[in-house]
């Protein structure tokens, strides 16, 4: 399994098992298996001192909520970049797929 994080042209971030779709040795698109949209909300906290801390709350949800398809094909030009997700988000995605997700979100500090 090759779990990657893709940034799409509409700025959505999607995590999935991503495979490149090739035709005549040229990449033409991608197959996203079990894609989930990554919602990231930045939070700022102040504890009555001059120091302000921040964290990012991450939430995953199925990318196309009303689809029964496990695989989604995307044309190459709809993907801006594909990167390796940070380990905590990758683990969260795997736990969600395996049904061992105990939380709806994780926080990154």
PDB file of N, CA and C in Angstrom:
ATOM      1  N   UNK A   1       0.841  -1.173   0.000  1.00  0.00           N
ATOM      2  CA  UNK A   1       0.000   0.000   0.000  1.00  0.00           C
ATOM      3  C   UNK A   1       0.886   1.236   0.000  1.00  0.00           C
ATOM      4  N   UNK A   2       0.531   2.208  -0.833  1.00  0.00           N
ATOM      5  CA  UNK A   2       1.298   3.440  -0.930  1.00  0.00           C
ATOM      6  C   UNK A   2       0.413   4.614  -0.531  1.00  0.00           C
ATOM      7  N   UNK A   3       0.334   4.856   0.763  1.00  0.00           N
ATOM      8  CA  UNK A   3      -0.512   5.934   1.255  1.00  0.00           C
ATOM      9  C   UNK A   3       0.204   7.260   1.054  1.00  0.00           C
ATOM     10  N   UNK A   4      -0.466   8.147   0.322  1.00  0.00           N
ATOM     11  CA  UNK A   4       0.090   9.458   0.012  1.00  0.00           C
ATOM     12  C   UNK A   4      -0.954  10.527   0.252  1.00  0.00           C
ATOM     13  N   UNK A   5      -0.506  11.757   0.346  1.00  0.00           N
ATOM     14  CA  UNK A   5      -1.362  12.915   0.498  1.00  0.00           C
ATOM     15  C   UNK A   5      -1.280  13.721  -0.790  1.00  0.00           C
ATOM     16  N   UNK A   6      -2.425  13.966  -1.415  1.00  0.00           N
ATOM     17  CA  UNK A   6      -2.458  14.730  -2.658  1.00  0.00           C
ATOM     18  C   UNK A   6      -3.099  16.087  -2.411  1.00  0.00           C
ATOM     19  N   UNK A   7      -2.529  17.109  -3.032  1.00  0.00           N
ATOM     20  CA  UNK A   7      -3.137  18.429  -3.041  1.00  0.00           C
ATOM     21  C   UNK A   7      -3.727  18.593  -4.441  1.00  0.00           C
ATOM     22  N   UNK A   8      -5.033  18.842  -4.476  1.00  0.00           N
ATOM     23  CA  UNK A   8      -5.726  18.964  -5.751  1.00  0.00           C
ATOM     24  C   UNK A   8      -5.752  20.417  -6.206  1.00  0.00           C
ATOM     25  N   UNK A   9      -6.113  20.625  -7.460  1.00  0.00           N
ATOM     26  CA  UNK A   9      -6.098  21.980  -8.011  1.00  0.00           C
ATOM     27  C   UNK A   9      -7.066  22.913  -7.294  1.00  0.00           C
ATOM     28  N   UNK A  10      -8.112  22.374  -6.657  1.00  0.00           N
ATOM     29  CA  UNK A  10      -9.052  23.206  -5.900  1.00  0.00           C
ATOM     30  C   UNK A  10      -8.601  23.398  -4.447  1.00  0.00           C
ATOM     31  N   UNK A  11      -7.368  22.999  -4.152  1.00  0.00           N
ATOM     32  CA  UNK A  11      -6.700  23.143  -2.845  1.00  0.00           C
ATOM     33  C   UNK A  11      -7.140  22.126  -1.797  1.00  0.00           C
ATOM     34  N   UNK A  12      -8.017  21.181  -2.159  1.00  0.00           N
ATOM     35  CA  UNK A  12      -8.375  20.119  -1.232  1.00  0.00           C
ATOM     36  C   UNK A  12      -7.162  19.229  -1.000  1.00  0.00           C
ATOM     37  N   UNK A  13      -7.061  18.685   0.218  1.00  0.00           N
ATOM     38  CA  UNK A  13      -6.027  17.709   0.525  1.00  0.00           C
ATOM     39  C   UNK A  13      -6.720  16.366   0.728  1.00  0.00           C
ATOM     40  N   UNK A  14      -6.253  15.351  -0.017  1.00  0.00           N
ATOM     41  CA  UNK A  14      -6.872  14.035   0.009  1.00  0.00           C
ATOM     42  C   UNK A  14      -5.801  12.997   0.318  1.00  0.00           C
ATOM     43  N   UNK A  15      -6.098  12.117   1.284  1.00  0.00           N
ATOM     44  CA  UNK A  15      -5.193  11.024   1.604  1.00  0.00           C
ATOM     45  C   UNK A  15      -5.815   9.741   1.062  1.00  0.00           C
ATOM     46  N   UNK A  16      -4.975   8.897   0.455  1.00  0.00           N
ATOM     47  CA  UNK A  16      -5.465   7.647  -0.133  1.00  0.00           C
ATOM     48  C   UNK A  16      -4.290   6.756  -0.470  1.00  0.00           C
ATOM     49  N   UNK A  17      -4.612   5.519  -0.845  1.00  0.00           N
ATOM     50  CA  UNK A  17      -3.622   4.637  -1.461  1.00  0.00           C
ATOM     51  C   UNK A  17      -3.618   5.056  -2.928  1.00  0.00           C
ATOM     52  N   UNK A  18      -2.575   5.750  -3.351  1.00  0.00           N
ATOM     53  CA  UNK A  18      -2.544   6.367  -4.681  1.00  0.00           C
ATOM     54  C   UNK A  18      -1.619   5.593  -5.607  1.00  0.00           C
ATOM     55  N   UNK A  19      -2.154   5.302  -6.789  1.00  0.00           N
ATOM     56  CA  UNK A  19      -1.366   4.640  -7.830  1.00  0.00           C
ATOM     57  C   UNK A  19      -1.423   5.483  -9.092  1.00  0.00           C
ATOM     58  N   UNK A  20      -0.317   5.521  -9.806  1.00  0.00           N
ATOM     59  CA  UNK A  20      -0.258   6.266 -11.057  1.00  0.00           C
ATOM     60  C   UNK A  20      -0.887   5.446 -12.178  1.00  0.00           C
ATOM     61  N   UNK A  21      -1.669   6.103 -13.021  1.00  0.00           N
ATOM     62  CA  UNK A  21      -2.306   5.477 -14.171  1.00  0.00           C
ATOM     63  C   UNK A  21      -1.503   5.860 -15.409  1.00  0.00           C
ATOM     64  N   UNK A  22      -0.961   4.845 -16.124  1.00  0.00           N
ATOM     65  CA  UNK A  22      -0.047   5.090 -17.238  1.00  0.00           C
ATOM     66  C   UNK A  22      -0.648   4.540 -18.531  1.00  0.00           C
ATOM     67  N   UNK A  23      -0.485   5.302 -19.616  1.00  0.00           N
ATOM     68  CA  UNK A  23      -0.912   4.869 -20.938  1.00  0.00           C
ATOM     69  C   UNK A  23       0.231   5.150 -21.901  1.00  0.00           C
ATOM     70  N   UNK A  24       0.700   4.126 -22.589  1.00  0.00           N
ATOM     71  CA  UNK A  24       1.857   4.254 -23.504  1.00  0.00           C
ATOM     72  C   UNK A  24       3.066   4.870 -22.810  1.00  0.00           C
ATOM     73  N   UNK A  25       3.344   4.402 -21.599  1.00  0.00           N
ATOM     74  CA  UNK A  25       4.474   4.859 -20.783  1.00  0.00           C
ATOM     75  C   UNK A  25       4.392   6.331 -20.384  1.00  0.00           C
ATOM     76  N   UNK A  26       3.213   6.937 -20.505  1.00  0.00           N
ATOM     77  CA  UNK A  26       3.028   8.329 -20.081  1.00  0.00           C
ATOM     78  C   UNK A  26       1.977   8.374 -18.977  1.00  0.00           C
ATOM     79  N   UNK A  27       2.269   9.095 -17.891  1.00  0.00           N
ATOM     80  CA  UNK A  27       1.259   9.218 -16.833  1.00  0.00           C
ATOM     81  C   UNK A  27       0.065  10.033 -17.336  1.00  0.00           C
ATOM     82  N   UNK A  28      -1.135   9.499 -17.127  1.00  0.00           N
ATOM     83  CA  UNK A  28      -2.344  10.196 -17.577  1.00  0.00           C
ATOM     84  C   UNK A  28      -3.281  10.522 -16.414  1.00  0.00           C
ATOM     85  N   UNK A  29      -3.035   9.920 -15.261  1.00  0.00           N
ATOM     86  CA  UNK A  29      -3.895  10.176 -14.120  1.00  0.00           C
ATOM     87  C   UNK A  29      -3.487   9.349 -12.927  1.00  0.00           C
ATOM     88  N   UNK A  30      -4.384   9.312 -11.962  1.00  0.00           N
ATOM     89  CA  UNK A  30      -4.127   8.600 -10.715  1.00  0.00           C
ATOM     90  C   UNK A  30      -5.371   7.835 -10.285  1.00  0.00           C
ATOM     91  N   UNK A  31      -5.154   6.730  -9.610  1.00  0.00           N
ATOM     92  CA  UNK A  31      -6.232   5.971  -8.988  1.00  0.00           C
ATOM     93  C   UNK A  31      -6.102   6.169  -7.487  1.00  0.00           C
ATOM     94  N   UNK A  32      -7.136   6.737  -6.884  1.00  0.00           N
ATOM     95  CA  UNK A  32      -7.177   6.944  -5.442  1.00  0.00           C
ATOM     96  C   UNK A  32      -8.054   5.855  -4.854  1.00  0.00           C
ATOM     97  N   UNK A  33      -7.479   4.997  -4.025  1.00  0.00           N
ATOM     98  CA  UNK A  33      -8.231   3.937  -3.366  1.00  0.00           C
ATOM     99  C   UNK A  33      -8.626   4.404  -1.968  1.00  0.00           C
ATOM    100  N   UNK A  34      -9.908   4.351  -1.673  1.00  0.00           N
ATOM    101  CA  UNK A  34     -10.479   4.763  -0.381  1.00  0.00           C
ATOM    102  C   UNK A  34     -10.023   6.168   0.024  1.00  0.00           C
ATOM    103  N   UNK A  35     -10.263   7.155  -0.854  1.00  0.00           N
ATOM    104  CA  UNK A  35      -9.810   8.515  -0.555  1.00  0.00           C
ATOM    105  C   UNK A  35     -10.610   9.180   0.564  1.00  0.00           C
ATOM    106  N   UNK A  36      -9.899   9.924   1.394  1.00  0.00           N
ATOM    107  CA  UNK A  36     -10.510  10.701   2.472  1.00  0.00           C
ATOM    108  C   UNK A  36      -9.986  12.135   2.401  1.00  0.00           C
ATOM    109  N   UNK A  37     -10.892  13.067   2.564  1.00  0.00           N
ATOM    110  CA  UNK A  37     -10.500  14.474   2.602  1.00  0.00           C
ATOM    111  C   UNK A  37      -9.895  14.768   3.968  1.00  0.00           C
ATOM    112  N   UNK A  38      -8.832  15.530   3.959  1.00  0.00           N
ATOM    113  CA  UNK A  38      -8.155  15.923   5.192  1.00  0.00           C
ATOM    114  C   UNK A  38      -8.558  17.361   5.511  1.00  0.00           C
ATOM    115  N   UNK A  39      -9.212  17.517   6.646  1.00  0.00           N
ATOM    116  CA  UNK A  39      -9.562  18.853   7.140  1.00  0.00           C
ATOM    117  C   UNK A  39      -8.540  19.220   8.202  1.00  0.00           C
ATOM    118  N   UNK A  40      -7.934  20.370   8.049  1.00  0.00           N
ATOM    119  CA  UNK A  40      -6.952  20.825   9.032  1.00  0.00           C
ATOM    120  C   UNK A  40      -7.392  22.188   9.551  1.00  0.00           C
ATOM    121  N   UNK A  41      -7.577  22.270  10.865  1.00  0.00           N
ATOM    122  CA  UNK A  41      -7.986  23.523  11.484  1.00  0.00           C
ATOM    123  C   UNK A  41      -6.917  23.950  12.483  1.00  0.00           C
ATOM    124  N   UNK A  42      -6.362  25.120  12.249  1.00  0.00           N
ATOM    125  CA  UNK A  42      -5.317  25.622  13.124  1.00  0.00           C
ATOM    126  C   UNK A  42      -5.958  26.319  14.316  1.00  0.00           C
ATOM    127  N   UNK A  43      -5.470  26.002  15.513  1.00  0.00           N
ATOM    128  CA  UNK A  43      -6.012  26.587  16.737  1.00  0.00           C
ATOM    129  C   UNK A  43      -4.888  27.295  17.485  1.00  0.00           C
ATOM    130  N   UNK A  44      -5.216  28.437  18.040  1.00  0.00           N
ATOM    131  CA  UNK A  44      -4.262  29.213  18.823  1.00  0.00           C
ATOM    132  C   UNK A  44      -4.756  29.294  20.261  1.00  0.00           C
ATOM    133  N   UNK A  45      -3.822  29.145  21.197  1.00  0.00           N
ATOM    134  CA  UNK A  45      -4.160  29.173  22.615  1.00  0.00           C
ATOM    135  C   UNK A  45      -3.275  30.177  23.328  1.00  0.00           C
ATOM    136  N   UNK A  46      -3.850  30.847  24.291  1.00  0.00           N
ATOM    137  CA  UNK A  46      -3.091  31.766  25.121  1.00  0.00           C
ATOM    138  C   UNK A  46      -3.341  31.383  26.581  1.00  0.00           C
ATOM    139  N   UNK A  47      -2.283  31.279  27.340  1.00  0.00           N
ATOM    140  CA  UNK A  47      -2.428  30.876  28.744  1.00  0.00           C
ATOM    141  C   UNK A  47      -2.092  32.030  29.690  1.00  0.00           C
ATOM    142  N   UNK A  48      -2.554  33.210  29.358  1.00  0.00           N
ATOM    143  CA  UNK A  48      -2.350  34.421  30.152  1.00  0.00           C
ATOM    144  C   UNK A  48      -0.890  34.828  30.272  1.00  0.00           C
ATOM    145  N   UNK A  49      -0.055  34.270  29.441  1.00  0.00           N
ATOM    146  CA  UNK A  49       1.330  34.729  29.405  1.00  0.00           C
ATOM    147  C   UNK A  49       1.548  35.352  28.024  1.00  0.00           C
ATOM    148  N   UNK A  50       2.737  35.792  27.796  1.00  0.00           N
ATOM    149  CA  UNK A  50       3.020  36.395  26.495  1.00  0.00           C
ATOM    150  C   UNK A  50       3.189  35.343  25.413  1.00  0.00           C
ATOM    151  N   UNK A  51       3.339  34.095  25.831  1.00  0.00           N
ATOM    152  CA  UNK A  51       3.531  33.014  24.879  1.00  0.00           C
ATOM    153  C   UNK A  51       2.199  32.509  24.359  1.00  0.00           C
ATOM    154  N   UNK A  52       2.140  32.341  23.062  1.00  0.00           N
ATOM    155  CA  UNK A  52       0.941  31.786  22.440  1.00  0.00           C
ATOM    156  C   UNK A  52       1.323  30.455  21.818  1.00  0.00           C
ATOM    157  N   UNK A  53       0.524  29.442  22.057  1.00  0.00           N
ATOM    158  CA  UNK A  53       0.819  28.149  21.453  1.00  0.00           C
ATOM    159  C   UNK A  53      -0.231  27.865  20.381  1.00  0.00           C
ATOM    160  N   UNK A  54       0.120  26.960  19.505  1.00  0.00           N
ATOM    161  CA  UNK A  54      -0.823  26.615  18.450  1.00  0.00           C
ATOM    162  C   UNK A  54      -0.787  25.120  18.206  1.00  0.00           C
ATOM    163  N   UNK A  55      -1.874  24.633  17.681  1.00  0.00           N
ATOM    164  CA  UNK A  55      -1.963  23.238  17.304  1.00  0.00           C
ATOM    165  C   UNK A  55      -2.833  23.151  16.057  1.00  0.00           C
ATOM    166  N   UNK A  56      -2.793  22.002  15.420  1.00  0.00           N
ATOM    167  CA  UNK A  56      -3.607  21.766  14.238  1.00  0.00           C
ATOM    168  C   UNK A  56      -4.476  20.551  14.519  1.00  0.00           C
ATOM    169  N   UNK A  57      -5.783  20.724  14.380  1.00  0.00           N
ATOM    170  CA  UNK A  57      -6.708  19.617  14.562  1.00  0.00           C
ATOM    171  C   UNK A  57      -7.018  19.021  13.185  1.00  0.00           C
ATOM    172  N   UNK A  58      -6.805  17.714  13.053  1.00  0.00           N
ATOM    173  CA  UNK A  58      -6.989  17.009  11.784  1.00  0.00           C
ATOM    174  C   UNK A  58      -8.228  16.125  11.867  1.00  0.00           C
ATOM    175  N   UNK A  59      -9.069  16.213  10.853  1.00  0.00           N
ATOM    176  CA  UNK A  59     -10.250  15.369  10.748  1.00  0.00           C
ATOM    177  C   UNK A  59     -10.285  14.755   9.357  1.00  0.00           C
ATOM    178  N   UNK A  60     -10.647  13.475   9.277  1.00  0.00           N
ATOM    179  CA  UNK A  60     -10.761  12.782   7.995  1.00  0.00           C
ATOM    180  C   UNK A  60     -12.215  12.424   7.742  1.00  0.00           C
ATOM    181  N   UNK A  61     -12.634  12.565   6.488  1.00  0.00           N
ATOM    182  CA  UNK A  61     -13.965  12.102   6.099  1.00  0.00           C
ATOM    183  C   UNK A  61     -13.878  11.578   4.674  1.00  0.00           C
ATOM    184  N   UNK A  62     -14.746  10.620   4.320  1.00  0.00           N
ATOM    185  CA  UNK A  62     -14.706  10.115   2.948  1.00  0.00           C
ATOM    186  C   UNK A  62     -14.762  11.279   1.960  1.00  0.00           C
ATOM    187  N   UNK A  63     -13.957  11.207   0.925  1.00  0.00           N
ATOM    188  CA  UNK A  63     -13.821  12.326  -0.001  1.00  0.00           C
ATOM    189  C   UNK A  63     -15.112  12.588  -0.760  1.00  0.00           C
ATOM    190  N   UNK A  64     -15.739  11.560  -1.309  1.00  0.00           N
ATOM    191  CA  UNK A  64     -17.020  11.717  -2.001  1.00  0.00           C
ATOM    192  C   UNK A  64     -18.041  10.950  -1.160  1.00  0.00           C
ATOM    193  N   UNK A  65     -18.735  11.670  -0.320  1.00  0.00           N
ATOM    194  CA  UNK A  65     -19.591  11.064   0.703  1.00  0.00           C
ATOM    195  C   UNK A  65     -20.648  10.107   0.163  1.00  0.00           C
ATOM    196  N   UNK A  66     -21.208  10.373  -0.984  1.00  0.00           N
ATOM    197  CA  UNK A  66     -22.332   9.584  -1.473  1.00  0.00           C
ATOM    198  C   UNK A  66     -21.929   8.523  -2.488  1.00  0.00           C
ATOM    199  N   UNK A  67     -20.646   8.271  -2.630  1.00  0.00           N
ATOM    200  CA  UNK A  67     -20.182   7.267  -3.585  1.00  0.00           C
ATOM    201  C   UNK A  67     -19.941   5.927  -2.892  1.00  0.00           C
ATOM    202  N   UNK A  68     -20.333   4.847  -3.581  1.00  0.00           N
ATOM    203  CA  UNK A  68     -20.044   3.503  -3.089  1.00  0.00           C
ATOM    204  C   UNK A  68     -18.731   2.983  -3.659  1.00  0.00           C
ATOM    205  N   UNK A  69     -18.129   3.711  -4.597  1.00  0.00           N
ATOM    206  CA  UNK A  69     -16.884   3.284  -5.229  1.00  0.00           C
ATOM    207  C   UNK A  69     -15.722   3.362  -4.249  1.00  0.00           C
ATOM    208  N   UNK A  70     -14.861   2.357  -4.312  1.00  0.00           N
ATOM    209  CA  UNK A  70     -13.642   2.356  -3.494  1.00  0.00           C
ATOM    210  C   UNK A  70     -12.493   3.043  -4.236  1.00  0.00           C
ATOM    211  N   UNK A  71     -12.525   2.982  -5.577  1.00  0.00           N
ATOM    212  CA  UNK A  71     -11.486   3.601  -6.405  1.00  0.00           C
ATOM    213  C   UNK A  71     -12.052   4.797  -7.148  1.00  0.00           C
ATOM    214  N   UNK A  72     -11.289   5.887  -7.151  1.00  0.00           N
ATOM    215  CA  UNK A  72     -11.681   7.098  -7.861  1.00  0.00           C
ATOM    216  C   UNK A  72     -10.543   7.461  -8.813  1.00  0.00           C
ATOM    217  N   UNK A  73     -10.882   7.680 -10.073  1.00  0.00           N
ATOM    218  CA  UNK A  73      -9.891   8.056 -11.079  1.00  0.00           C
ATOM    219  C   UNK A  73      -9.827   9.569 -11.187  1.00  0.00           C
ATOM    220  N   UNK A  74      -8.609  10.102 -11.180  1.00  0.00           N
ATOM    221  CA  UNK A  74      -8.414  11.537 -11.338  1.00  0.00           C
ATOM    222  C   UNK A  74      -7.482  11.796 -12.509  1.00  0.00           C
ATOM    223  N   UNK A  75      -7.843  12.723 -13.388  1.00  0.00           N
ATOM    224  CA  UNK A  75      -6.918  13.111 -14.450  1.00  0.00           C
ATOM    225  C   UNK A  75      -5.670  13.756 -13.843  1.00  0.00           C
ATOM    226  N   UNK A  76      -4.573  13.584 -14.500  1.00  0.00           N
ATOM    227  CA  UNK A  76      -3.279  14.090 -14.018  1.00  0.00           C
ATOM    228  C   UNK A  76      -3.318  15.590 -13.739  1.00  0.00           C
ATOM    229  N   UNK A  77      -4.036  16.346 -14.570  1.00  0.00           N
ATOM    230  CA  UNK A  77      -4.027  17.811 -14.416  1.00  0.00           C
ATOM    231  C   UNK A  77      -4.872  18.310 -13.242  1.00  0.00           C
ATOM    232  N   UNK A  78      -5.584  17.435 -12.544  1.00  0.00           N
ATOM    233  CA  UNK A  78      -6.333  17.844 -11.356  1.00  0.00           C
ATOM    234  C   UNK A  78      -5.511  17.730 -10.081  1.00  0.00           C
ATOM    235  N   UNK A  79      -4.328  17.145 -10.182  1.00  0.00           N
ATOM    236  CA  UNK A  79      -3.458  16.946  -9.022  1.00  0.00           C
ATOM    237  C   UNK A  79      -2.282  17.912  -9.113  1.00  0.00           C
ATOM    238  N   UNK A  80      -2.126  18.731  -8.082  1.00  0.00           N
ATOM    239  CA  UNK A  80      -1.015  19.687  -8.041  1.00  0.00           C
ATOM    240  C   UNK A  80       0.255  18.982  -7.608  1.00  0.00           C
ATOM    241  N   UNK A  81       0.167  18.213  -6.517  1.00  0.00           N
ATOM    242  CA  UNK A  81       1.334  17.495  -6.023  1.00  0.00           C
ATOM    243  C   UNK A  81       0.889  16.318  -5.154  1.00  0.00           C
ATOM    244  N   UNK A  82       1.787  15.361  -5.018  1.00  0.00           N
ATOM    245  CA  UNK A  82       1.568  14.207  -4.143  1.00  0.00           C
ATOM    246  C   UNK A  82       2.780  14.110  -3.225  1.00  0.00           C
ATOM    247  N   UNK A  83       2.506  14.022  -1.904  1.00  0.00           N
ATOM    248  CA  UNK A  83       3.587  14.012  -0.919  1.00  0.00           C
ATOM    249  C   UNK A  83       3.369  12.894   0.094  1.00  0.00           C
ATOM    250  N   UNK A  84       4.390  12.633   0.864  1.00  0.00           N
ATOM    251  CA  UNK A  84       4.319  11.677   1.966  1.00  0.00           C
ATOM    252  C   UNK A  84       3.646  12.380   3.144  1.00  0.00           C
ATOM    253  N   UNK A  85       2.546  11.819   3.683  1.00  0.00           N
ATOM    254  CA  UNK A  85       1.900  12.462   4.838  1.00  0.00           C
ATOM    255  C   UNK A  85       2.725  12.275   6.106  1.00  0.00           C
ATOM    256  N   UNK A  86       2.527  13.162   7.068  1.00  0.00           N
ATOM    257  CA  UNK A  86       3.207  12.977   8.347  1.00  0.00           C
ATOM    258  C   UNK A  86       2.666  11.706   8.999  1.00  0.00           C
ATOM    259  N   UNK A  87       3.462  11.100   9.823  1.00  0.00           N
ATOM    260  CA  UNK A  87       3.153   9.775  10.371  1.00  0.00           C
ATOM    261  C   UNK A  87       1.844   9.742  11.149  1.00  0.00           C
ATOM    262  N   UNK A  88       1.542  10.783  11.920  1.00  0.00           N
ATOM    263  CA  UNK A  88       0.315  10.769  12.726  1.00  0.00           C
ATOM    264  C   UNK A  88      -0.938  10.775  11.845  1.00  0.00           C
ATOM    265  N   UNK A  89      -0.899  11.472  10.723  1.00  0.00           N
ATOM    266  CA  UNK A  89      -2.047  11.501   9.808  1.00  0.00           C
ATOM    267  C   UNK A  89      -2.161  10.164   9.074  1.00  0.00           C
ATOM    268  N   UNK A  90      -1.036   9.610   8.692  1.00  0.00           N
ATOM    269  CA  UNK A  90      -1.028   8.294   8.028  1.00  0.00           C
ATOM    270  C   UNK A  90      -1.608   7.224   8.963  1.00  0.00           C
ATOM    271  N   UNK A  91      -1.202   7.245  10.225  1.00  0.00           N
ATOM    272  CA  UNK A  91      -1.706   6.292  11.215  1.00  0.00           C
ATOM    273  C   UNK A  91      -3.200   6.491  11.428  1.00  0.00           C
ATOM    274  N   UNK A  92      -3.627   7.734  11.515  1.00  0.00           N
ATOM    275  CA  UNK A  92      -5.044   8.039  11.695  1.00  0.00           C
ATOM    276  C   UNK A  92      -5.867   7.478  10.532  1.00  0.00           C
ATOM    277  N   UNK A  93      -5.379   7.633   9.315  1.00  0.00           N
ATOM    278  CA  UNK A  93      -6.054   7.120   8.123  1.00  0.00           C
ATOM    279  C   UNK A  93      -6.133   5.590   8.159  1.00  0.00           C
ATOM    280  N   UNK A  94      -5.026   4.948   8.480  1.00  0.00           N
ATOM    281  CA  UNK A  94      -5.004   3.486   8.545  1.00  0.00           C
ATOM    282  C   UNK A  94      -5.955   2.966   9.621  1.00  0.00           C
ATOM    283  N   UNK A  95      -5.980   3.613  10.772  1.00  0.00           N
ATOM    284  CA  UNK A  95      -6.877   3.201  11.852  1.00  0.00           C
ATOM    285  C   UNK A  95      -8.336   3.376  11.436  1.00  0.00           C
ATOM    286  N   UNK A  96      -8.622   4.430  10.718  1.00  0.00           N
ATOM    287  CA  UNK A  96      -9.996   4.656  10.259  1.00  0.00           C
ATOM    288  C   UNK A  96     -10.416   3.559   9.291  1.00  0.00           C
ATOM    289  N   UNK A  97      -9.537   3.181   8.371  1.00  0.00           N
ATOM    290  CA  UNK A  97      -9.856   2.139   7.404  1.00  0.00           C
ATOM    291  C   UNK A  97      -9.992   0.769   8.071  1.00  0.00           C
ATOM    292  N   UNK A  98      -9.211   0.539   9.121  1.00  0.00           N
ATOM    293  CA  UNK A  98      -9.241  -0.750   9.818  1.00  0.00           C
ATOM    294  C   UNK A  98     -10.342  -0.835  10.865  1.00  0.00           C
ATOM    295  N   UNK A  99     -11.058   0.261  11.074  1.00  0.00           N
ATOM    296  CA  UNK A  99     -12.129   0.258  12.061  1.00  0.00           C
ATOM    297  C   UNK A  99     -11.647   0.356  13.488  1.00  0.00           C
ATOM    298  N   UNK A 100     -10.398   0.768  13.691  1.00  0.00           N
ATOM    299  CA  UNK A 100      -9.864   0.899  15.047  1.00  0.00           C
ATOM    300  C   UNK A 100      -9.743   2.351  15.467  1.00  0.00           C
ATOM    301  N   UNK A 101     -10.404   3.241  14.712  1.00  0.00           N
ATOM    302  CA  UNK A 101     -10.359   4.673  14.987  1.00  0.00           C
ATOM    303  C   UNK A 101     -11.177   4.987  16.225  1.00  0.00           C
ATOM    304  N   UNK A 102     -10.533   5.388  17.305  1.00  0.00           N
ATOM    305  CA  UNK A 102     -11.230   5.700  18.550  1.00  0.00           C
ATOM    306  C   UNK A 102     -11.602   7.168  18.660  1.00  0.00           C
ATOM    307  N   UNK A 103     -10.977   7.989  17.848  1.00  0.00           N
ATOM    308  CA  UNK A 103     -11.223   9.419  17.905  1.00  0.00           C
ATOM    309  C   UNK A 103     -11.661   9.901  16.534  1.00  0.00           C
ATOM    310  N   UNK A 104     -12.354  11.008  16.515  1.00  0.00           N
ATOM    311  CA  UNK A 104     -12.755  11.603  15.258  1.00  0.00           C
ATOM    312  C   UNK A 104     -11.686  12.516  14.687  1.00  0.00           C
ATOM    313  N   UNK A 105     -10.708  12.877  15.512  1.00  0.00           N
ATOM    314  CA  UNK A 105      -9.700  13.827  15.061  1.00  0.00           C
ATOM    315  C   UNK A 105      -8.420  13.606  15.868  1.00  0.00           C
ATOM    316  N   UNK A 106      -7.329  14.084  15.333  1.00  0.00           N
ATOM    317  CA  UNK A 106      -6.075  14.079  16.088  1.00  0.00           C
ATOM    318  C   UNK A 106      -5.537  15.500  16.091  1.00  0.00           C
ATOM    319  N   UNK A 107      -4.697  15.796  17.042  1.00  0.00           N
ATOM    320  CA  UNK A 107      -4.124  17.137  17.155  1.00  0.00           C
ATOM    321  C   UNK A 107      -2.623  17.048  16.998  1.00  0.00           C
ATOM    322  N   UNK A 108      -2.096  17.951  16.193  1.00  0.00           N
ATOM    323  CA  UNK A 108      -0.659  18.040  15.959  1.00  0.00           C
ATOM    324  C   UNK A 108      -0.181  19.349  16.552  1.00  0.00           C
ATOM    325  N   UNK A 109       0.833  19.289  17.390  1.00  0.00           N
ATOM    326  CA  UNK A 109       1.342  20.521  18.017  1.00  0.00           C
ATOM    327  C   UNK A 109       2.669  20.910  17.425  1.00  0.00           C
TER     328      UNK A 109
END
